[in-house]
Amino acid sequence: MPATERLYYNDSHLIEFEAQVIDITERVSGWTAVTLDRTAFYPTGGGQPSDTGALGNARVVECTDEGETILHVIQGPTPKIGDTIKGRVDWPRRLDHIQQHSGQHILSQALVSLYDAPTRSFRVMESVCEIDVDLINPTEERIERAVELANNVIWEDRPMITKEVTSEEAAQLPLRKEPAREGSLRLIEIEGFDLTPCGGTHATHTGEVGIIAVRSWERAKGLTRIEWVAGRRALEDYRRANKSARSIAALFSTGRDDAPKMAARMLEENKQLHHRLKPLEEIASRAEADRLYAEAEPDARGVRVISMVYEHRDAESLRMIAQSLVSQPKVVALLGSSEDATARIVFARSPDASGDMNALMKTACTLLDGRGGGKPELAQGGGKNVDKLNDALRAAATSLNA
């Protein structure tokens, strides 16, 4: 089968073309894959998703690289081998990928120029992009310095030029990364800044990228993983972040830029209040435990099995009550609470009472569709099946009496 001519190699902005159908295959999914003699559709590869669009009246949902040819997976009317067909690439998606892929070249070279930190992998995802960089000690200052350099290159609107060279010619050039294959190579050059082999779709000038913004970074598998956005994605990310910031500021009745200071102040006040509240909560827990103990009747063995379900109590509060209860002789405490659509349970027993709280907890958590554990005398856990909270405590009590 003859190779598919890749029109996007020479013009990443070409979105309409005509081509001849040279092969048709059926996919396991039930969809049809069309091979053309030439195409402007970019196939998945190099961290960049494929283009989508239309072939005739059929929808192109994916394109895959088969070495010398490209398969266009379609939904809709199937053309015949030999037909001449019109193709159209979805421009908004293509422009987005142009901005992200070109942005990656610029950001990656900025990290190499400043810190000799090469990019090891690159991914364009649905709303963000990621690069894994060999940068050992990332800091906010270092990352922002690289972003500033990258954006200066963007705003200088430098030409991005496509070149075809041989392997021998490439070996004499200062490439940012080694080529992944032999033979003729396609290079993308950013004037005076970057030169790297790449088969993706790119801008003609850096200005088309618009802007690069880094959202976050972390150390992962010995590398620094940077999450970032470019172009229209950066604008959309700003809109979301700005909306969140304004909403938070409104809660404090302050301006957007003052919200972090107000939030920090509230967290500190909350910490102080929690510190002051804890002794009072311990007193209230002991009083609650005294009430439950007084109301409970001993069973035939003289053991008080105290089961209670609360609302809006956290695990720490349940544990305080349970520990106060089991400070009395011959007590088993089976306590539960529902909070934020989550069931929480704490099981405890006095040293002179029988029963394995850890075993009871595992059984109860199965009913709650959750998990938990602990020791024979104290265990805690929870799950998302709040409706089964009372059933879980009843099952535990029944097991104690068995």
Protein backbone atom coordinates (compact mmCIF):
# COMPACT_ATOMS: atom_id res chain seq x y z
CA MET A 1 0.00 0.00 0.00
CA PRO A 2 1.44 3.44 -0.89
CA ALA A 3 2.34 5.81 1.94
CA THR A 4 -0.09 8.53 3.01
CA GLU A 5 1.17 12.01 2.15
CA ARG A 6 1.02 14.06 5.36
CA LEU A 7 -0.18 17.51 4.34
CA TYR A 8 0.07 18.89 7.88
CA TYR A 9 3.86 18.51 7.68
CA ASN A 10 4.05 21.49 5.35
CA ASP A 11 1.01 23.45 6.55
CA SER A 12 -0.40 23.02 10.05
CA HIS A 13 -3.14 25.52 9.20
CA LEU A 14 -4.51 23.50 6.26
CA ILE A 15 -7.93 22.17 7.29
CA GLU A 16 -9.67 21.44 3.95
CA PHE A 17 -8.37 19.05 1.30
CA GLU A 18 -9.33 16.43 -1.27
CA ALA A 19 -7.90 12.91 -1.34
CA GLN A 20 -8.43 9.48 -2.87
CA VAL A 21 -9.57 6.51 -0.78
CA ILE A 22 -6.98 3.71 -1.11
CA ASP A 23 -8.20 1.25 1.53
CA ILE A 24 -11.17 0.45 3.80
CA THR A 25 -11.00 -1.73 6.91
CA GLU A 26 -13.55 -2.62 9.57
CA ARG A 27 -12.62 -2.04 13.21
CA VAL A 28 -13.46 -4.30 16.14
CA SER A 29 -15.59 -1.42 17.47
CA GLY A 30 -17.84 -1.74 14.43
CA TRP A 31 -16.63 1.55 12.99
CA THR A 32 -14.82 1.88 9.67
CA ALA A 33 -11.20 2.96 9.10
CA VAL A 34 -10.41 4.81 5.88
CA THR A 35 -6.90 5.14 4.39
CA LEU A 36 -6.27 8.05 2.03
CA ASP A 37 -3.44 8.84 -0.37
CA ARG A 38 -3.03 12.24 1.33
CA THR A 39 -4.41 13.82 4.49
CA ALA A 40 -4.37 16.94 6.63
CA PHE A 41 -5.51 14.96 9.69
CA TYR A 42 -2.88 14.58 12.42
CA PRO A 43 -2.84 11.10 14.03
CA THR A 44 -2.34 10.48 17.75
CA GLY A 45 1.37 10.56 18.61
CA GLY A 46 4.15 12.40 20.40
CA GLY A 47 1.89 13.21 23.36
CA GLN A 48 -0.60 15.01 21.07
CA PRO A 49 -4.14 13.65 20.48
CA SER A 50 -5.40 13.18 16.94
CA ASP A 51 -7.46 15.60 14.93
CA THR A 52 -11.19 15.10 14.42
CA GLY A 53 -13.40 16.36 11.63
CA ALA A 54 -15.25 15.06 8.59
CA LEU A 55 -14.66 12.91 5.49
CA GLY A 56 -17.51 13.56 3.12
CA ASN A 57 -20.66 13.09 5.22
CA ALA A 58 -18.94 10.88 7.80
CA ARG A 59 -17.53 12.03 11.13
CA VAL A 60 -13.82 11.41 11.77
CA VAL A 61 -13.59 10.47 15.46
CA GLU A 62 -9.95 9.40 15.61
CA CYS A 63 -6.82 9.03 13.48
CA THR A 64 -4.03 6.54 14.11
CA ASP A 65 -0.52 6.31 12.72
CA GLU A 66 0.21 2.95 11.08
CA GLY A 67 3.78 3.72 10.08
CA GLU A 68 3.57 4.66 6.43
CA THR A 69 -0.19 5.24 6.41
CA ILE A 70 -2.82 6.97 8.55
CA LEU A 71 -6.15 5.39 9.45
CA HIS A 72 -9.18 7.69 9.72
CA VAL A 73 -11.80 6.06 11.97
CA ILE A 74 -15.23 7.28 10.85
CA GLN A 75 -18.87 7.19 11.90
CA GLY A 76 -21.31 7.54 9.03
CA PRO A 77 -21.48 6.68 5.33
CA THR A 78 -18.52 4.59 4.16
CA PRO A 79 -16.84 5.71 0.91
CA LYS A 80 -15.58 3.26 -1.72
CA ILE A 81 -11.99 2.52 -2.64
CA GLY A 82 -11.03 4.84 -5.48
CA ASP A 83 -13.46 7.60 -4.47
CA THR A 84 -12.23 11.17 -4.29
CA ILE A 85 -13.43 12.61 -1.01
CA LYS A 86 -13.31 15.96 0.75
CA GLY A 87 -11.86 16.19 4.23
CA ARG A 88 -12.24 18.91 6.81
CA VAL A 89 -10.32 19.14 10.08
CA ASP A 90 -12.01 20.65 13.15
CA TRP A 91 -10.20 23.97 13.39
CA PRO A 92 -10.83 24.84 17.09
CA ARG A 93 -9.31 21.50 18.14
CA ARG A 94 -6.39 21.88 15.70
CA LEU A 95 -5.68 25.43 16.91
CA ASP A 96 -5.74 24.24 20.52
CA HIS A 97 -3.21 21.51 19.74
CA ILE A 98 -1.04 23.96 17.78
CA GLN A 99 -0.95 26.25 20.81
CA GLN A 100 -0.22 23.46 23.30
CA HIS A 101 2.42 21.68 21.20
CA SER A 102 4.20 24.88 20.20
CA GLY A 103 3.99 26.04 23.80
CA GLN A 104 5.69 22.83 24.91
CA HIS A 105 8.63 23.48 22.58
CA ILE A 106 9.04 26.97 24.03
CA LEU A 107 8.65 26.00 27.71
CA SER A 108 10.91 22.96 27.36
CA GLN A 109 13.67 25.01 25.76
CA ALA A 110 13.31 27.69 28.44
CA LEU A 111 13.94 25.03 31.11
CA VAL A 112 16.98 23.76 29.19
CA SER A 113 18.36 27.28 28.65
CA LEU A 114 18.04 28.26 32.31
CA TYR A 115 18.63 25.01 34.20
CA ASP A 116 19.89 22.42 31.69
CA ALA A 117 16.68 20.49 32.53
CA PRO A 118 15.51 18.43 29.52
CA THR A 119 11.90 17.33 29.05
CA ARG A 120 11.51 13.54 29.27
CA SER A 121 7.82 13.25 28.34
CA PHE A 122 4.91 15.42 27.22
CA ARG A 123 1.13 14.95 27.31
CA VAL A 124 -1.77 17.02 25.98
CA MET A 125 -4.82 16.12 28.05
CA GLU A 126 -8.40 17.31 27.88
CA SER A 127 -7.95 20.61 29.73
CA VAL A 128 -4.27 20.77 30.77
CA CYS A 129 -0.83 19.67 29.59
CA GLU A 130 1.98 17.97 31.47
CA ILE A 131 5.73 17.77 30.97
CA ASP A 132 8.08 15.63 33.03
CA VAL A 133 11.35 17.53 33.37
CA ASP A 134 14.75 16.51 34.74
CA LEU A 135 14.71 19.41 37.20
CA ILE A 136 15.94 18.30 40.63
CA ASN A 137 15.12 21.31 42.82
CA PRO A 138 11.98 23.08 41.56
CA THR A 139 10.92 26.23 43.37
CA GLU A 140 8.30 28.84 42.63
CA GLU A 141 11.02 31.32 41.70
CA ARG A 142 12.74 28.93 39.27
CA ILE A 143 9.51 27.81 37.59
CA GLU A 144 8.25 31.37 37.21
CA ARG A 145 11.58 32.46 35.74
CA ALA A 146 11.22 29.76 33.04
CA VAL A 147 7.63 30.82 32.38
CA GLU A 148 8.72 34.44 32.04
CA LEU A 149 11.41 33.51 29.50
CA ALA A 150 8.92 31.37 27.56
CA ASN A 151 6.34 34.16 27.41
CA ASN A 152 8.94 36.71 26.32
CA VAL A 153 9.77 34.42 23.38
CA ILE A 154 6.03 34.14 22.59
CA TRP A 155 5.48 37.90 22.67
CA GLU A 156 8.50 38.53 20.46
CA ASP A 157 6.50 36.65 17.79
CA ARG A 158 9.53 34.75 16.51
CA PRO A 159 9.17 32.69 13.32
CA MET A 160 8.70 28.92 13.71
CA ILE A 161 10.23 27.26 10.66
CA THR A 162 9.88 23.68 9.43
CA LYS A 163 12.99 22.06 7.92
CA GLU A 164 13.66 18.66 6.33
CA VAL A 165 17.17 17.29 6.91
CA THR A 166 19.02 13.98 6.69
CA SER A 167 20.29 12.10 9.74
CA GLU A 168 23.82 13.11 8.80
CA GLU A 169 22.87 16.80 8.63
CA ALA A 170 20.95 16.54 11.92
CA ALA A 171 24.01 15.09 13.66
CA GLN A 172 25.83 18.38 13.02
CA LEU A 173 23.04 20.56 14.45
CA PRO A 174 22.47 21.70 18.07
CA LEU A 175 19.23 19.77 18.58
CA ARG A 176 17.44 20.04 21.93
CA LYS A 177 16.71 16.29 21.89
CA GLU A 178 17.98 13.32 19.95
CA PRO A 179 15.84 12.14 17.02
CA ALA A 180 13.74 9.02 17.61
CA ARG A 181 14.37 7.56 14.15
CA GLU A 182 16.83 7.43 11.29
CA GLY A 183 16.45 8.81 7.78
CA SER A 184 14.87 12.09 6.75
CA LEU A 185 13.95 14.23 9.74
CA ARG A 186 11.47 17.06 10.19
CA LEU A 187 12.86 19.81 12.42
CA ILE A 188 10.98 22.68 14.05
CA GLU A 189 13.10 25.78 14.56
CA ILE A 190 12.14 28.73 16.73
CA GLU A 191 14.35 31.50 15.43
CA GLY A 192 17.34 32.02 17.69
CA PHE A 193 15.89 29.87 20.47
CA ASP A 194 15.09 26.20 19.79
CA LEU A 195 15.72 23.45 17.25
CA THR A 196 14.18 20.01 17.71
CA PRO A 197 12.90 17.08 15.64
CA CYS A 198 9.11 16.79 15.78
CA GLY A 199 6.24 15.52 13.65
CA GLY A 200 3.45 17.51 15.31
CA THR A 201 1.41 20.53 14.29
CA HIS A 202 2.92 23.91 15.14
CA ALA A 203 2.42 27.65 14.84
CA THR A 204 4.08 29.70 12.12
CA HIS A 205 5.09 32.32 14.71
CA THR A 206 5.41 32.04 18.48
CA GLY A 207 2.84 34.80 18.97
CA GLU A 208 0.12 32.37 17.94
CA VAL A 209 0.68 30.50 21.23
CA GLY A 210 -0.63 33.56 23.09
CA ILE A 211 0.55 32.86 26.61
CA ILE A 212 1.83 30.03 28.84
CA ALA A 213 0.71 29.64 32.45
CA VAL A 214 1.90 26.99 34.93
CA ARG A 215 -0.83 25.65 37.23
CA SER A 216 1.25 23.41 39.52
CA TRP A 217 4.30 21.19 39.82
CA GLU A 218 5.41 18.23 41.89
CA ARG A 219 8.21 15.70 42.15
CA ALA A 220 7.19 12.43 40.48
CA LYS A 221 9.32 9.35 39.74
CA GLY A 222 12.58 11.25 40.07
CA LEU A 223 11.43 14.07 37.75
CA THR A 224 9.52 17.33 38.11
CA ARG A 225 6.02 17.10 36.67
CA ILE A 226 4.76 20.50 35.53
CA GLU A 227 1.08 21.05 34.77
CA TRP A 228 0.52 24.00 32.43
CA VAL A 229 -1.75 25.52 29.81
CA ALA A 230 -1.24 27.69 26.73
CA GLY A 231 -3.31 29.90 24.47
CA ARG A 232 -7.07 29.67 24.83
CA ARG A 233 -6.68 27.08 27.59
CA ALA A 234 -4.79 29.68 29.62
CA LEU A 235 -7.65 32.16 29.18
CA GLU A 236 -10.23 29.57 30.21
CA ASP A 237 -8.10 28.56 33.19
CA TYR A 238 -7.83 32.22 34.24
CA ARG A 239 -11.60 32.63 34.02
CA ARG A 240 -12.17 29.62 36.26
CA ALA A 241 -9.50 30.69 38.75
CA ASN A 242 -10.76 34.27 38.80
CA LYS A 243 -14.34 33.13 39.38
CA SER A 244 -13.21 30.94 42.29
CA ALA A 245 -11.09 33.74 43.76
CA ARG A 246 -13.96 36.25 43.55
CA SER A 247 -16.39 33.77 45.11
CA ILE A 248 -14.02 33.15 48.01
CA ALA A 249 -13.41 36.88 48.43
CA ALA A 250 -17.17 37.47 48.61
CA LEU A 251 -17.40 35.05 51.54
CA PHE A 252 -15.01 37.34 53.44
CA SER A 253 -16.60 40.55 52.13
CA THR A 254 -13.22 41.65 50.82
CA GLY A 255 -11.41 42.22 47.54
CA ARG A 256 -10.09 39.31 45.49
CA ASP A 257 -6.43 40.03 46.22
CA ASP A 258 -7.08 40.28 49.97
CA ALA A 259 -8.83 36.89 50.18
CA PRO A 260 -5.66 34.81 50.93
CA LYS A 261 -4.80 37.06 53.89
CA MET A 262 -8.35 36.82 55.22
CA ALA A 263 -8.41 33.03 54.75
CA ALA A 264 -5.10 32.69 56.62
CA ARG A 265 -6.47 34.80 59.46
CA MET A 266 -9.63 32.70 59.67
CA LEU A 267 -7.62 29.46 59.71
CA GLU A 268 -5.52 30.77 62.58
CA GLU A 269 -8.62 31.85 64.49
CA ASN A 270 -10.20 28.46 63.86
CA LYS A 271 -7.08 26.72 65.15
CA GLN A 272 -7.18 28.78 68.35
CA LEU A 273 -10.90 28.14 68.83
CA HIS A 274 -10.40 24.41 68.30
CA HIS A 275 -7.63 24.44 70.91
CA ARG A 276 -9.92 26.20 73.39
CA LEU A 277 -12.89 23.99 72.52
CA LYS A 278 -11.14 20.64 73.01
CA PRO A 279 -11.23 20.66 76.85
CA LEU A 280 -14.92 21.58 76.73
CA GLU A 281 -15.59 18.76 74.26
CA GLU A 282 -13.85 16.31 76.57
CA ILE A 283 -16.09 17.42 79.45
CA ALA A 284 -19.18 17.08 77.25
CA SER A 285 -18.05 13.62 76.11
CA ARG A 286 -17.66 12.44 79.69
CA ALA A 287 -21.12 13.78 80.55
CA GLU A 288 -22.61 12.03 77.51
CA ALA A 289 -20.84 8.81 78.47
CA ASP A 290 -22.16 9.05 82.04
CA ARG A 291 -25.69 9.47 80.70
CA LEU A 292 -25.41 6.50 78.33
CA TYR A 293 -23.90 4.31 81.04
CA ALA A 294 -26.64 5.18 83.54
CA GLU A 295 -29.39 4.40 81.01
CA ALA A 296 -27.90 1.08 79.85
CA GLU A 297 -29.02 -2.19 81.43
CA PRO A 298 -26.44 -4.97 81.99
CA ASP A 299 -27.05 -8.22 80.10
CA ALA A 300 -27.00 -11.68 81.69
CA ARG A 301 -23.20 -11.53 81.87
CA GLY A 302 -23.28 -8.16 83.56
CA VAL A 303 -21.96 -6.38 80.43
CA ARG A 304 -23.48 -3.11 79.23
CA VAL A 305 -23.56 -3.09 75.41
CA ILE A 306 -24.16 0.56 74.53
CA SER A 307 -25.13 1.27 70.90
CA MET A 308 -25.85 4.81 69.70
CA VAL A 309 -26.05 6.61 66.34
CA TYR A 310 -25.43 10.37 66.19
CA GLU A 311 -25.59 12.99 63.47
CA HIS A 312 -22.73 15.32 62.55
CA ARG A 313 -20.11 13.92 64.90
CA ASP A 314 -16.62 13.24 63.62
CA ALA A 315 -14.50 10.19 64.47
CA GLU A 316 -12.59 12.07 67.20
CA SER A 317 -15.83 12.95 69.02
CA LEU A 318 -17.05 9.35 68.83
CA ARG A 319 -13.71 8.12 70.13
CA MET A 320 -13.86 10.49 73.13
CA ILE A 321 -17.29 9.19 74.14
CA ALA A 322 -16.24 5.58 73.59
CA GLN A 323 -13.09 5.95 75.69
CA SER A 324 -15.07 7.55 78.50
CA LEU A 325 -17.57 4.68 78.39
CA VAL A 326 -15.00 1.89 78.48
CA SER A 327 -13.23 3.46 81.43
CA GLN A 328 -16.15 1.87 83.33
CA PRO A 329 -16.06 -1.91 83.99
CA LYS A 330 -17.76 -4.38 81.66
CA VAL A 331 -18.80 -2.00 78.85
CA VAL A 332 -18.87 -2.43 75.07
CA ALA A 333 -19.45 0.81 73.10
CA LEU A 334 -20.77 0.61 69.54
CA LEU A 335 -21.02 4.20 68.30
CA GLY A 336 -21.82 5.59 64.86
CA SER A 337 -22.39 8.92 63.16
CA SER A 338 -23.40 10.22 59.74
CA GLU A 339 -21.48 13.27 58.53
CA ASP A 340 -21.11 14.68 55.00
CA ALA A 341 -22.81 11.60 53.45
CA THR A 342 -20.28 9.35 55.21
CA ALA A 343 -20.91 6.81 57.96
CA ARG A 344 -18.33 6.73 60.77
CA ILE A 345 -18.14 4.08 63.47
CA VAL A 346 -16.07 3.46 66.60
CA PHE A 347 -16.16 0.20 68.56
CA ALA A 348 -14.49 -0.14 71.99
CA ARG A 349 -14.63 -2.39 75.07
CA SER A 350 -13.47 -2.37 78.67
CA PRO A 351 -10.47 -4.57 79.52
CA ASP A 352 -12.78 -6.95 81.42
CA ALA A 353 -15.36 -7.24 78.61
CA SER A 354 -15.10 -9.84 75.86
CA GLY A 355 -15.24 -9.37 72.09
CA ASP A 356 -12.86 -8.57 69.23
CA MET A 357 -13.61 -5.00 68.15
CA ASN A 358 -11.36 -5.29 65.10
CA ALA A 359 -13.28 -8.32 63.79
CA LEU A 360 -16.63 -6.61 64.46
CA MET A 361 -15.38 -3.49 62.66
CA LYS A 362 -14.39 -5.37 59.49
CA THR A 363 -17.84 -6.99 59.30
CA ALA A 364 -19.60 -3.67 59.91
CA CYS A 365 -17.52 -1.88 57.26
CA THR A 366 -18.51 -4.50 54.72
CA LEU A 367 -22.13 -3.45 55.24
CA LEU A 368 -21.15 0.21 54.97
CA ASP A 369 -19.17 -0.35 51.74
CA GLY A 370 -16.07 1.04 53.42
CA ARG A 371 -13.12 -0.03 55.46
CA GLY A 372 -11.68 0.17 58.95
CA GLY A 373 -9.75 -1.70 61.59
CA GLY A 374 -7.81 -1.47 64.81
CA LYS A 375 -7.13 -3.62 67.84
CA PRO A 376 -9.28 -6.13 69.76
CA GLU A 377 -10.14 -3.45 72.33
CA LEU A 378 -10.59 -0.42 69.98
CA ALA A 379 -11.33 -0.07 66.26
CA GLN A 380 -12.75 2.58 63.95
CA GLY A 381 -13.81 2.89 60.34
CA GLY A 382 -16.56 4.06 58.04
CA GLY A 383 -18.10 3.88 54.61
CA LYS A 384 -20.38 5.61 52.13
CA ASN A 385 -23.48 3.46 52.69
CA VAL A 386 -25.04 5.68 55.37
CA ASP A 387 -28.43 3.94 55.11
CA LYS A 388 -26.88 0.78 56.54
CA LEU A 389 -25.40 2.47 59.64
CA ASN A 390 -28.04 1.18 62.07
CA ASP A 391 -27.90 -2.29 60.50
CA ALA A 392 -24.12 -2.37 60.98
CA LEU A 393 -24.39 -1.55 64.68
CA ARG A 394 -27.20 -4.09 65.19
CA ALA A 395 -25.14 -6.77 63.45
CA ALA A 396 -22.19 -6.01 65.75
CA ALA A 397 -24.38 -6.21 68.85
CA THR A 398 -25.87 -9.51 67.68
CA SER A 399 -22.39 -10.96 67.14
CA LEU A 400 -21.42 -10.03 70.70
CA ASN A 401 -24.39 -11.97 72.09
CA ALA A 402 -23.87 -15.01 69.88
